[in-house]
Amino acid sequence: MTPPPNPVLEAVLSRRSTPRLTEPAPGRHDLERLVQAAATAPDHGRLHPWRLIAVTGDERARLGEVLGEAAAPEQARRAAAKPLRAPLLLSIVHCPVPDHPKVPGWEQLAATTGMVTMLSLLLHSHGWASIWRTGSAIQAPQVRKYLGVADGEQLLGWLYVGTRCTPGTSAERPPLDTTVKITWPDDASG
């Protein structure tokens, strides 16, 4: 018997990072609803050790100017154009709770990345596309200052969000060889 279609499984299997994005992007209400859902990702202690800074409209060009300042002179123009690749950029800021008695830093970072992964799946399942981009600019003092990233916080990059420029195109992924990724204890019952 064939199991019924599972929309969650289908979203996970069909989601792809999308480098070419255009309008529209989710509006404030839709984004807040999706972030609310993404916040249910595993998070020991429910610390929510993250925050997102939405960059849209003309603010993308202003972020681009700062990225251009942070780049090497020969890369400045290219760096300045990067935020214009999508109608919405979500700056991903990891905000760990220092010296937490039960939740170590690595686990808080895992919660942050889990939330971003969940958000990218939710965006995909609602018809939008995204790609998580990083680069040396995440360390640049002028970029951190512009975004208001405080000492003790870590800029993890940007989730570029919008609509796929060429609908329906996504590269097929070869199936994962799970035999080399999952170890099963020997079955003693033979």
N, C-alpha and C. Protein backbone atom coordinates (compact mmCIF):
# COMPACT_ATOMS: atom_id res chain seq x y z
N MET A 1 0.84 -1.19 0.00
CA MET A 1 0.00 0.00 0.00
C MET A 1 0.89 1.25 0.00
N THR A 2 0.58 2.19 -0.85
CA THR A 2 1.33 3.44 -0.95
C THR A 2 0.84 4.41 0.12
N PRO A 3 1.79 4.99 0.90
CA PRO A 3 1.37 5.95 1.91
C PRO A 3 0.84 7.23 1.25
N PRO A 4 -0.06 7.93 1.93
CA PRO A 4 -0.59 9.17 1.36
C PRO A 4 0.52 10.21 1.23
N PRO A 5 0.34 11.19 0.33
CA PRO A 5 1.35 12.24 0.18
C PRO A 5 1.57 12.97 1.50
N ASN A 6 2.81 13.33 1.74
CA ASN A 6 3.16 14.04 2.97
C ASN A 6 3.75 15.39 2.59
N PRO A 7 3.02 16.49 2.82
CA PRO A 7 3.52 17.80 2.37
C PRO A 7 4.82 18.23 3.07
N VAL A 8 5.02 17.79 4.30
CA VAL A 8 6.26 18.15 5.00
C VAL A 8 7.44 17.45 4.33
N LEU A 9 7.30 16.16 4.09
CA LEU A 9 8.36 15.40 3.44
C LEU A 9 8.63 15.95 2.05
N GLU A 10 7.58 16.29 1.31
CA GLU A 10 7.76 16.84 -0.03
C GLU A 10 8.50 18.18 0.01
N ALA A 11 8.18 19.03 0.99
CA ALA A 11 8.87 20.32 1.12
C ALA A 11 10.35 20.10 1.41
N VAL A 12 10.66 19.16 2.30
CA VAL A 12 12.06 18.89 2.64
C VAL A 12 12.81 18.36 1.43
N LEU A 13 12.20 17.44 0.71
CA LEU A 13 12.88 16.83 -0.44
C LEU A 13 13.00 17.77 -1.64
N SER A 14 12.11 18.75 -1.76
CA SER A 14 12.14 19.62 -2.94
C SER A 14 12.79 20.98 -2.70
N ARG A 15 13.08 21.35 -1.47
CA ARG A 15 13.69 22.65 -1.19
C ARG A 15 15.11 22.70 -1.72
N ARG A 16 15.46 23.78 -2.36
CA ARG A 16 16.81 24.01 -2.86
C ARG A 16 17.19 25.46 -2.57
N SER A 17 18.44 25.69 -2.29
CA SER A 17 18.92 27.06 -2.19
C SER A 17 18.77 27.70 -3.56
N THR A 18 18.26 28.92 -3.59
CA THR A 18 17.95 29.59 -4.85
C THR A 18 18.75 30.88 -4.96
N PRO A 19 19.77 30.89 -5.81
CA PRO A 19 20.63 32.08 -5.89
C PRO A 19 20.01 33.25 -6.64
N ARG A 20 19.03 33.01 -7.52
CA ARG A 20 18.42 34.10 -8.29
C ARG A 20 16.99 34.32 -7.80
N LEU A 21 16.79 35.48 -7.17
CA LEU A 21 15.51 35.79 -6.54
C LEU A 21 14.97 37.12 -7.04
N THR A 22 13.66 37.23 -7.05
CA THR A 22 13.00 38.45 -7.47
C THR A 22 11.79 38.71 -6.57
N GLU A 23 11.07 39.80 -6.83
CA GLU A 23 9.82 40.09 -6.13
C GLU A 23 8.80 39.03 -6.50
N PRO A 24 7.85 38.77 -5.64
CA PRO A 24 7.68 39.32 -4.31
C PRO A 24 8.41 38.51 -3.26
N ALA A 25 8.52 39.11 -2.10
CA ALA A 25 8.99 38.44 -0.89
C ALA A 25 7.84 38.48 0.10
N PRO A 26 7.90 37.68 1.13
CA PRO A 26 6.82 37.75 2.11
C PRO A 26 6.77 39.13 2.76
N GLY A 27 5.57 39.60 3.04
CA GLY A 27 5.39 40.84 3.77
C GLY A 27 5.60 40.61 5.26
N ARG A 28 5.48 41.68 6.01
CA ARG A 28 5.72 41.63 7.45
C ARG A 28 4.85 40.59 8.14
N HIS A 29 3.54 40.60 7.88
CA HIS A 29 2.63 39.67 8.54
C HIS A 29 2.99 38.21 8.24
N ASP A 30 3.20 37.92 6.95
CA ASP A 30 3.54 36.54 6.57
C ASP A 30 4.87 36.12 7.17
N LEU A 31 5.86 37.01 7.13
CA LEU A 31 7.16 36.67 7.68
C LEU A 31 7.08 36.42 9.19
N GLU A 32 6.37 37.28 9.89
CA GLU A 32 6.24 37.10 11.34
C GLU A 32 5.57 35.77 11.67
N ARG A 33 4.57 35.40 10.88
CA ARG A 33 3.89 34.11 11.09
C ARG A 33 4.85 32.94 10.85
N LEU A 34 5.66 33.02 9.81
CA LEU A 34 6.60 31.95 9.51
C LEU A 34 7.73 31.88 10.55
N VAL A 35 8.19 33.03 11.02
CA VAL A 35 9.23 33.03 12.06
C VAL A 35 8.66 32.45 13.35
N GLN A 36 7.41 32.76 13.65
CA GLN A 36 6.76 32.18 14.83
C GLN A 36 6.78 30.65 14.74
N ALA A 37 6.50 30.12 13.56
CA ALA A 37 6.52 28.67 13.37
C ALA A 37 7.95 28.13 13.41
N ALA A 38 8.89 28.84 12.78
CA ALA A 38 10.28 28.39 12.77
C ALA A 38 10.87 28.36 14.17
N ALA A 39 10.36 29.18 15.05
CA ALA A 39 10.85 29.23 16.44
C ALA A 39 10.51 27.97 17.22
N THR A 40 9.75 27.07 16.62
CA THR A 40 9.46 25.80 17.29
C THR A 40 10.56 24.76 17.04
N ALA A 41 11.60 25.14 16.31
CA ALA A 41 12.74 24.22 16.07
C ALA A 41 13.33 23.83 17.43
N PRO A 42 13.98 22.67 17.50
CA PRO A 42 14.57 22.25 18.77
C PRO A 42 15.44 23.35 19.39
N ASP A 43 15.20 23.62 20.65
CA ASP A 43 15.87 24.72 21.34
C ASP A 43 15.83 24.42 22.83
N HIS A 44 16.86 23.74 23.32
CA HIS A 44 16.95 23.37 24.73
C HIS A 44 16.82 24.63 25.60
N GLY A 45 15.87 24.61 26.51
CA GLY A 45 15.67 25.74 27.39
C GLY A 45 14.83 26.85 26.79
N ARG A 46 14.42 26.67 25.53
CA ARG A 46 13.64 27.70 24.83
C ARG A 46 14.27 29.08 24.99
N LEU A 47 15.57 29.13 24.73
CA LEU A 47 16.31 30.38 24.88
C LEU A 47 16.12 31.33 23.70
N HIS A 48 15.77 30.79 22.53
CA HIS A 48 15.68 31.59 21.31
C HIS A 48 16.91 32.50 21.19
N PRO A 49 18.09 31.87 21.07
CA PRO A 49 19.34 32.65 21.06
C PRO A 49 19.67 33.26 19.70
N TRP A 50 18.71 33.96 19.13
CA TRP A 50 18.87 34.53 17.80
C TRP A 50 17.94 35.72 17.66
N ARG A 51 18.25 36.51 16.65
CA ARG A 51 17.33 37.55 16.21
C ARG A 51 17.58 37.77 14.73
N LEU A 52 16.59 38.33 14.06
CA LEU A 52 16.67 38.59 12.63
C LEU A 52 16.51 40.08 12.39
N ILE A 53 17.30 40.61 11.47
CA ILE A 53 17.19 42.01 11.09
C ILE A 53 16.75 42.02 9.62
N ALA A 54 15.52 42.47 9.38
CA ALA A 54 14.98 42.49 8.02
C ALA A 54 15.52 43.71 7.27
N VAL A 55 16.02 43.46 6.07
CA VAL A 55 16.56 44.53 5.23
C VAL A 55 15.80 44.47 3.90
N THR A 56 15.07 45.55 3.59
CA THR A 56 14.26 45.60 2.38
C THR A 56 14.41 46.96 1.71
N GLY A 57 13.83 47.09 0.54
CA GLY A 57 13.76 48.38 -0.15
C GLY A 57 15.12 49.05 -0.29
N ASP A 58 15.13 50.37 -0.05
CA ASP A 58 16.35 51.17 -0.19
C ASP A 58 17.40 50.79 0.84
N GLU A 59 16.97 50.18 1.93
CA GLU A 59 17.91 49.77 2.98
C GLU A 59 18.91 48.75 2.43
N ARG A 60 18.53 47.98 1.42
CA ARG A 60 19.44 47.01 0.80
C ARG A 60 20.64 47.73 0.17
N ALA A 61 20.37 48.86 -0.50
CA ALA A 61 21.47 49.62 -1.12
C ALA A 61 22.37 50.22 -0.05
N ARG A 62 21.78 50.66 1.06
CA ARG A 62 22.61 51.21 2.15
C ARG A 62 23.48 50.12 2.76
N LEU A 63 22.92 48.91 2.93
CA LEU A 63 23.74 47.79 3.41
C LEU A 63 24.83 47.50 2.38
N GLY A 64 24.51 47.58 1.11
CA GLY A 64 25.49 47.36 0.05
C GLY A 64 26.66 48.34 0.14
N GLU A 65 26.37 49.61 0.44
CA GLU A 65 27.44 50.59 0.61
C GLU A 65 28.39 50.17 1.72
N VAL A 66 27.84 49.68 2.82
CA VAL A 66 28.67 49.25 3.95
C VAL A 66 29.47 48.00 3.56
N LEU A 67 28.85 47.08 2.84
CA LEU A 67 29.57 45.89 2.38
C LEU A 67 30.70 46.29 1.44
N GLY A 68 30.46 47.29 0.59
CA GLY A 68 31.50 47.78 -0.31
C GLY A 68 32.66 48.39 0.46
N GLU A 69 32.37 49.14 1.52
CA GLU A 69 33.42 49.71 2.36
C GLU A 69 34.25 48.63 3.04
N ALA A 70 33.60 47.53 3.40
CA ALA A 70 34.28 46.44 4.11
C ALA A 70 35.11 45.56 3.18
N ALA A 71 34.83 45.63 1.88
CA ALA A 71 35.51 44.76 0.92
C ALA A 71 36.84 45.35 0.48
N ALA A 72 37.67 44.51 -0.09
CA ALA A 72 38.90 44.98 -0.73
C ALA A 72 38.51 45.91 -1.87
N PRO A 73 39.31 46.92 -2.16
CA PRO A 73 38.95 47.91 -3.20
C PRO A 73 38.52 47.29 -4.53
N GLU A 74 39.21 46.24 -4.96
CA GLU A 74 38.86 45.62 -6.24
C GLU A 74 37.55 44.83 -6.18
N GLN A 75 37.05 44.56 -4.98
CA GLN A 75 35.79 43.81 -4.81
C GLN A 75 34.63 44.70 -4.35
N ALA A 76 34.90 45.97 -4.10
CA ALA A 76 33.90 46.86 -3.47
C ALA A 76 32.61 46.96 -4.28
N ARG A 77 32.73 47.14 -5.58
CA ARG A 77 31.52 47.30 -6.41
C ARG A 77 30.67 46.04 -6.39
N ARG A 78 31.31 44.92 -6.51
CA ARG A 78 30.60 43.63 -6.50
C ARG A 78 29.93 43.40 -5.14
N ALA A 79 30.66 43.70 -4.06
CA ALA A 79 30.11 43.53 -2.71
C ALA A 79 28.90 44.44 -2.49
N ALA A 80 28.97 45.65 -3.00
CA ALA A 80 27.87 46.61 -2.83
C ALA A 80 26.59 46.16 -3.54
N ALA A 81 26.73 45.39 -4.59
CA ALA A 81 25.55 44.93 -5.35
C ALA A 81 24.89 43.70 -4.73
N LYS A 82 25.58 43.01 -3.84
CA LYS A 82 25.06 41.75 -3.31
C LYS A 82 23.68 41.85 -2.66
N PRO A 83 23.42 42.85 -1.82
CA PRO A 83 22.10 42.90 -1.19
C PRO A 83 20.95 43.14 -2.17
N LEU A 84 21.26 43.53 -3.39
CA LEU A 84 20.21 43.77 -4.38
C LEU A 84 19.80 42.49 -5.10
N ARG A 85 20.38 41.37 -4.71
CA ARG A 85 20.06 40.08 -5.34
C ARG A 85 18.72 39.51 -4.91
N ALA A 86 18.10 40.09 -3.88
CA ALA A 86 16.82 39.59 -3.38
C ALA A 86 16.03 40.75 -2.80
N PRO A 87 14.71 40.65 -2.81
CA PRO A 87 13.90 41.74 -2.25
C PRO A 87 13.91 41.81 -0.73
N LEU A 88 14.31 40.74 -0.07
CA LEU A 88 14.34 40.70 1.39
C LEU A 88 15.60 39.96 1.84
N LEU A 89 16.35 40.58 2.73
CA LEU A 89 17.49 39.92 3.37
C LEU A 89 17.20 39.86 4.85
N LEU A 90 17.35 38.70 5.42
CA LEU A 90 17.23 38.55 6.86
C LEU A 90 18.63 38.35 7.42
N SER A 91 19.12 39.35 8.13
CA SER A 91 20.42 39.24 8.79
C SER A 91 20.23 38.30 9.97
N ILE A 92 21.03 37.25 10.02
CA ILE A 92 20.89 36.21 11.05
C ILE A 92 21.91 36.51 12.14
N VAL A 93 21.41 36.84 13.32
CA VAL A 93 22.28 37.19 14.44
C VAL A 93 22.10 36.14 15.54
N HIS A 94 23.19 35.48 15.88
CA HIS A 94 23.20 34.51 16.97
C HIS A 94 23.49 35.27 18.26
N CYS A 95 22.59 35.13 19.24
CA CYS A 95 22.68 35.87 20.51
C CYS A 95 22.76 34.87 21.66
N PRO A 96 23.91 34.25 21.88
CA PRO A 96 23.99 33.23 22.91
C PRO A 96 23.85 33.80 24.32
N VAL A 97 23.31 32.98 25.20
CA VAL A 97 23.25 33.32 26.61
C VAL A 97 24.56 32.82 27.21
N PRO A 98 25.44 33.74 27.61
CA PRO A 98 26.76 33.30 28.08
C PRO A 98 26.68 32.53 29.40
N ASP A 99 27.55 31.54 29.50
CA ASP A 99 27.69 30.76 30.74
C ASP A 99 26.36 30.20 31.25
N HIS A 100 25.49 29.79 30.33
CA HIS A 100 24.22 29.19 30.76
C HIS A 100 24.51 27.90 31.51
N PRO A 101 23.88 27.67 32.66
CA PRO A 101 24.20 26.49 33.47
C PRO A 101 23.81 25.16 32.84
N LYS A 102 22.88 25.16 31.89
CA LYS A 102 22.42 23.89 31.31
C LYS A 102 22.59 23.80 29.80
N VAL A 103 22.71 24.93 29.11
CA VAL A 103 22.73 24.91 27.65
C VAL A 103 24.05 25.51 27.17
N PRO A 104 25.00 24.64 26.76
CA PRO A 104 26.30 25.15 26.30
C PRO A 104 26.17 25.95 25.00
N GLY A 105 27.20 26.71 24.70
CA GLY A 105 27.20 27.57 23.52
C GLY A 105 26.95 26.82 22.23
N TRP A 106 27.55 25.64 22.06
CA TRP A 106 27.37 24.89 20.82
C TRP A 106 25.91 24.52 20.62
N GLU A 107 25.22 24.23 21.72
CA GLU A 107 23.82 23.83 21.61
C GLU A 107 22.93 25.03 21.27
N GLN A 108 23.31 26.19 21.75
CA GLN A 108 22.59 27.41 21.41
C GLN A 108 22.79 27.75 19.93
N LEU A 109 24.00 27.54 19.43
CA LEU A 109 24.26 27.76 18.00
C LEU A 109 23.45 26.77 17.16
N ALA A 110 23.35 25.54 17.63
CA ALA A 110 22.54 24.54 16.92
C ALA A 110 21.08 24.96 16.88
N ALA A 111 20.58 25.55 17.96
CA ALA A 111 19.19 26.03 17.99
C ALA A 111 18.98 27.15 16.97
N THR A 112 19.95 28.04 16.88
CA THR A 112 19.85 29.14 15.91
C THR A 112 19.84 28.61 14.49
N THR A 113 20.77 27.72 14.17
CA THR A 113 20.81 27.19 12.80
C THR A 113 19.59 26.32 12.51
N GLY A 114 19.07 25.63 13.54
CA GLY A 114 17.85 24.85 13.36
C GLY A 114 16.67 25.74 13.00
N MET A 115 16.58 26.90 13.66
CA MET A 115 15.49 27.83 13.36
C MET A 115 15.61 28.34 11.92
N VAL A 116 16.83 28.68 11.48
CA VAL A 116 17.00 29.20 10.12
C VAL A 116 16.66 28.11 9.10
N THR A 117 17.05 26.88 9.37
CA THR A 117 16.72 25.77 8.48
C THR A 117 15.21 25.59 8.40
N MET A 118 14.56 25.62 9.55
CA MET A 118 13.10 25.49 9.59
C MET A 118 12.45 26.65 8.81
N LEU A 119 12.97 27.86 8.98
CA LEU A 119 12.41 29.01 8.27
C LEU A 119 12.56 28.84 6.76
N SER A 120 13.71 28.36 6.31
CA SER A 120 13.88 28.18 4.86
C SER A 120 12.91 27.14 4.32
N LEU A 121 12.62 26.10 5.09
CA LEU A 121 11.64 25.09 4.67
C LEU A 121 10.23 25.67 4.64
N LEU A 122 9.91 26.46 5.65
CA LEU A 122 8.58 27.08 5.70
C LEU A 122 8.39 28.06 4.55
N LEU A 123 9.42 28.85 4.27
CA LEU A 123 9.34 29.77 3.13
C LEU A 123 9.07 29.00 1.85
N HIS A 124 9.83 27.93 1.64
CA HIS A 124 9.66 27.09 0.45
C HIS A 124 8.25 26.52 0.38
N SER A 125 7.75 26.03 1.49
CA SER A 125 6.42 25.41 1.49
C SER A 125 5.31 26.42 1.23
N HIS A 126 5.62 27.71 1.37
CA HIS A 126 4.64 28.76 1.10
C HIS A 126 4.89 29.47 -0.24
N GLY A 127 5.78 28.90 -1.05
CA GLY A 127 5.97 29.41 -2.40
C GLY A 127 7.11 30.40 -2.58
N TRP A 128 7.83 30.71 -1.50
CA TRP A 128 8.98 31.61 -1.64
C TRP A 128 10.25 30.78 -1.72
N ALA A 129 11.33 31.42 -2.04
CA ALA A 129 12.61 30.73 -2.14
C ALA A 129 13.63 31.51 -1.32
N SER A 130 14.73 30.84 -1.01
CA SER A 130 15.76 31.49 -0.19
C SER A 130 17.12 30.84 -0.42
N ILE A 131 18.13 31.55 0.06
CA ILE A 131 19.49 31.02 0.09
C ILE A 131 20.20 31.69 1.26
N TRP A 132 20.96 30.91 2.01
CA TRP A 132 21.73 31.43 3.14
C TRP A 132 23.11 31.79 2.61
N ARG A 133 23.47 33.06 2.71
CA ARG A 133 24.77 33.52 2.22
C ARG A 133 25.59 34.06 3.38
N THR A 134 26.91 33.81 3.31
CA THR A 134 27.83 34.32 4.32
C THR A 134 28.97 35.02 3.60
N GLY A 135 30.13 35.01 4.17
CA GLY A 135 31.30 35.64 3.57
C GLY A 135 32.06 36.40 4.64
N SER A 136 33.19 36.94 4.26
CA SER A 136 34.06 37.62 5.22
C SER A 136 33.40 38.86 5.83
N ALA A 137 32.40 39.42 5.15
CA ALA A 137 31.73 40.63 5.65
C ALA A 137 31.04 40.41 7.00
N ILE A 138 30.74 39.16 7.34
CA ILE A 138 30.07 38.93 8.62
C ILE A 138 30.96 39.29 9.81
N GLN A 139 32.27 39.38 9.57
CA GLN A 139 33.21 39.75 10.61
C GLN A 139 33.56 41.24 10.59
N ALA A 140 33.21 41.94 9.53
CA ALA A 140 33.63 43.33 9.34
C ALA A 140 33.00 44.24 10.39
N PRO A 141 33.82 45.02 11.10
CA PRO A 141 33.29 45.90 12.15
C PRO A 141 32.24 46.88 11.63
N GLN A 142 32.43 47.43 10.41
CA GLN A 142 31.47 48.41 9.91
C GLN A 142 30.13 47.76 9.58
N VAL A 143 30.14 46.49 9.16
CA VAL A 143 28.89 45.78 8.87
C VAL A 143 28.18 45.48 10.19
N ARG A 144 28.92 45.00 11.17
CA ARG A 144 28.34 44.72 12.49
C ARG A 144 27.74 46.00 13.09
N LYS A 145 28.46 47.09 12.97
CA LYS A 145 27.98 48.36 13.52
C LYS A 145 26.71 48.81 12.80
N TYR A 146 26.72 48.76 11.49
CA TYR A 146 25.56 49.19 10.70
C TYR A 146 24.31 48.40 11.10
N LEU A 147 24.47 47.09 11.29
CA LEU A 147 23.33 46.24 11.64
C LEU A 147 23.00 46.27 13.13
N GLY A 148 23.87 46.84 13.94
CA GLY A 148 23.62 46.86 15.38
C GLY A 148 23.90 45.53 16.06
N VAL A 149 24.89 44.80 15.53
CA VAL A 149 25.28 43.52 16.14
C VAL A 149 26.18 43.84 17.33
N ALA A 150 25.74 43.46 18.50
CA ALA A 150 26.42 43.82 19.75
C ALA A 150 27.60 42.89 20.03
N ASP A 151 28.48 43.33 20.92
CA ASP A 151 29.54 42.46 21.41
C ASP A 151 28.87 41.23 22.04
N GLY A 152 29.45 40.09 21.79
CA GLY A 152 28.87 38.84 22.30
C GLY A 152 27.88 38.20 21.35
N GLU A 153 27.46 38.94 20.32
CA GLU A 153 26.59 38.39 19.29
C GLU A 153 27.43 38.02 18.07
N GLN A 154 26.90 37.13 17.25
CA GLN A 154 27.62 36.66 16.08
C GLN A 154 26.72 36.79 14.85
N LEU A 155 27.18 37.52 13.84
CA LEU A 155 26.45 37.61 12.59
C LEU A 155 26.76 36.34 11.79
N LEU A 156 25.74 35.58 11.46
CA LEU A 156 25.92 34.30 10.76
C LEU A 156 25.67 34.40 9.27
N GLY A 157 25.35 35.59 8.79
CA GLY A 157 25.09 35.77 7.37
C GLY A 157 23.69 36.29 7.14
N TRP A 158 23.21 36.08 5.91
CA TRP A 158 21.91 36.59 5.50
C TRP A 158 21.12 35.49 4.83
N LEU A 159 19.84 35.44 5.15
CA LEU A 159 18.92 34.60 4.40
C LEU A 159 18.29 35.52 3.35
N TYR A 160 18.69 35.32 2.10
CA TYR A 160 18.13 36.09 0.98
C TYR A 160 16.79 35.42 0.65
N VAL A 161 15.73 36.24 0.56
CA VAL A 161 14.38 35.70 0.40
C VAL A 161 13.67 36.42 -0.74
N GLY A 162 12.92 35.66 -1.52
CA GLY A 162 12.11 36.23 -2.60
C GLY A 162 11.40 35.13 -3.35
N THR A 163 11.21 35.37 -4.61
CA THR A 163 10.56 34.41 -5.49
C THR A 163 11.60 33.92 -6.50
N ARG A 164 11.58 32.65 -6.75
CA ARG A 164 12.51 32.05 -7.72
C ARG A 164 12.32 32.72 -9.08
N CYS A 165 13.41 33.16 -9.70
CA CYS A 165 13.33 33.85 -11.01
C CYS A 165 12.79 32.95 -12.10
N THR A 166 13.19 31.70 -12.10
CA THR A 166 12.73 30.74 -13.10
C THR A 166 11.96 29.64 -12.38
N PRO A 167 10.64 29.76 -12.31
CA PRO A 167 9.83 28.80 -11.57
C PRO A 167 10.02 27.37 -12.07
N GLY A 168 9.96 26.46 -11.13
CA GLY A 168 9.98 25.04 -11.47
C GLY A 168 11.34 24.47 -11.78
N THR A 169 12.40 25.27 -11.68
CA THR A 169 13.72 24.73 -11.98
C THR A 169 14.46 24.46 -10.68
N SER A 170 14.80 23.22 -10.48
CA SER A 170 15.65 22.86 -9.35
C SER A 170 16.40 21.60 -9.70
N ALA A 171 17.66 21.63 -9.41
CA ALA A 171 18.52 20.50 -9.76
C ALA A 171 18.13 19.27 -8.94
N GLU A 172 18.15 18.14 -9.60
CA GLU A 172 17.91 16.88 -8.90
C GLU A 172 19.11 16.57 -8.02
N ARG A 173 18.84 16.08 -6.86
CA ARG A 173 19.92 15.66 -5.98
C ARG A 173 20.03 14.15 -6.04
N PRO A 174 21.25 13.64 -6.11
CA PRO A 174 21.38 12.18 -6.06
C PRO A 174 21.00 11.71 -4.66
N PRO A 175 20.43 10.52 -4.56
CA PRO A 175 20.06 10.03 -3.24
C PRO A 175 21.30 9.84 -2.36
N LEU A 176 21.13 10.09 -1.10
CA LEU A 176 22.20 9.93 -0.12
C LEU A 176 22.41 8.44 0.16
N ASP A 177 23.65 8.01 0.21
CA ASP A 177 23.95 6.63 0.57
C ASP A 177 23.90 6.54 2.09
N THR A 178 22.74 6.18 2.61
CA THR A 178 22.55 6.15 4.07
C THR A 178 23.36 5.04 4.74
N THR A 179 23.82 4.07 3.97
CA THR A 179 24.59 2.98 4.58
C THR A 179 25.91 3.48 5.16
N VAL A 180 26.42 4.60 4.64
CA VAL A 180 27.67 5.15 5.19
C VAL A 180 27.42 6.27 6.19
N LYS A 181 26.15 6.65 6.38
CA LYS A 181 25.83 7.74 7.29
C LYS A 181 25.05 7.29 8.53
N ILE A 182 24.51 6.06 8.51
CA ILE A 182 23.77 5.54 9.66
C ILE A 182 24.43 4.24 10.10
N THR A 183 24.76 4.19 11.36
CA THR A 183 25.32 2.96 11.92
C THR A 183 24.26 2.29 12.78
N TRP A 184 24.01 1.02 12.52
CA TRP A 184 23.06 0.25 13.31
C TRP A 184 23.84 -0.77 14.16
N PRO A 185 23.49 -0.89 15.43
CA PRO A 185 24.17 -1.92 16.22
C PRO A 185 23.86 -3.30 15.62
N ASP A 186 24.81 -4.22 15.78
CA ASP A 186 24.58 -5.57 15.26
C ASP A 186 23.30 -6.13 15.85
N ASP A 187 22.53 -6.77 14.97
CA ASP A 187 21.29 -7.41 15.40
C ASP A 187 21.64 -8.79 15.95
N ALA A 188 21.61 -8.94 17.25
CA ALA A 188 22.00 -10.19 17.93
C ALA A 188 21.03 -11.31 17.66
N SER A 189 19.80 -10.97 17.27
CA SER A 189 18.81 -12.03 17.07
C SER A 189 19.02 -12.76 15.74
N GLY A 190 19.93 -12.23 14.87
CA GLY A 190 20.34 -12.87 13.65
C GLY A 190 19.33 -12.94 12.61
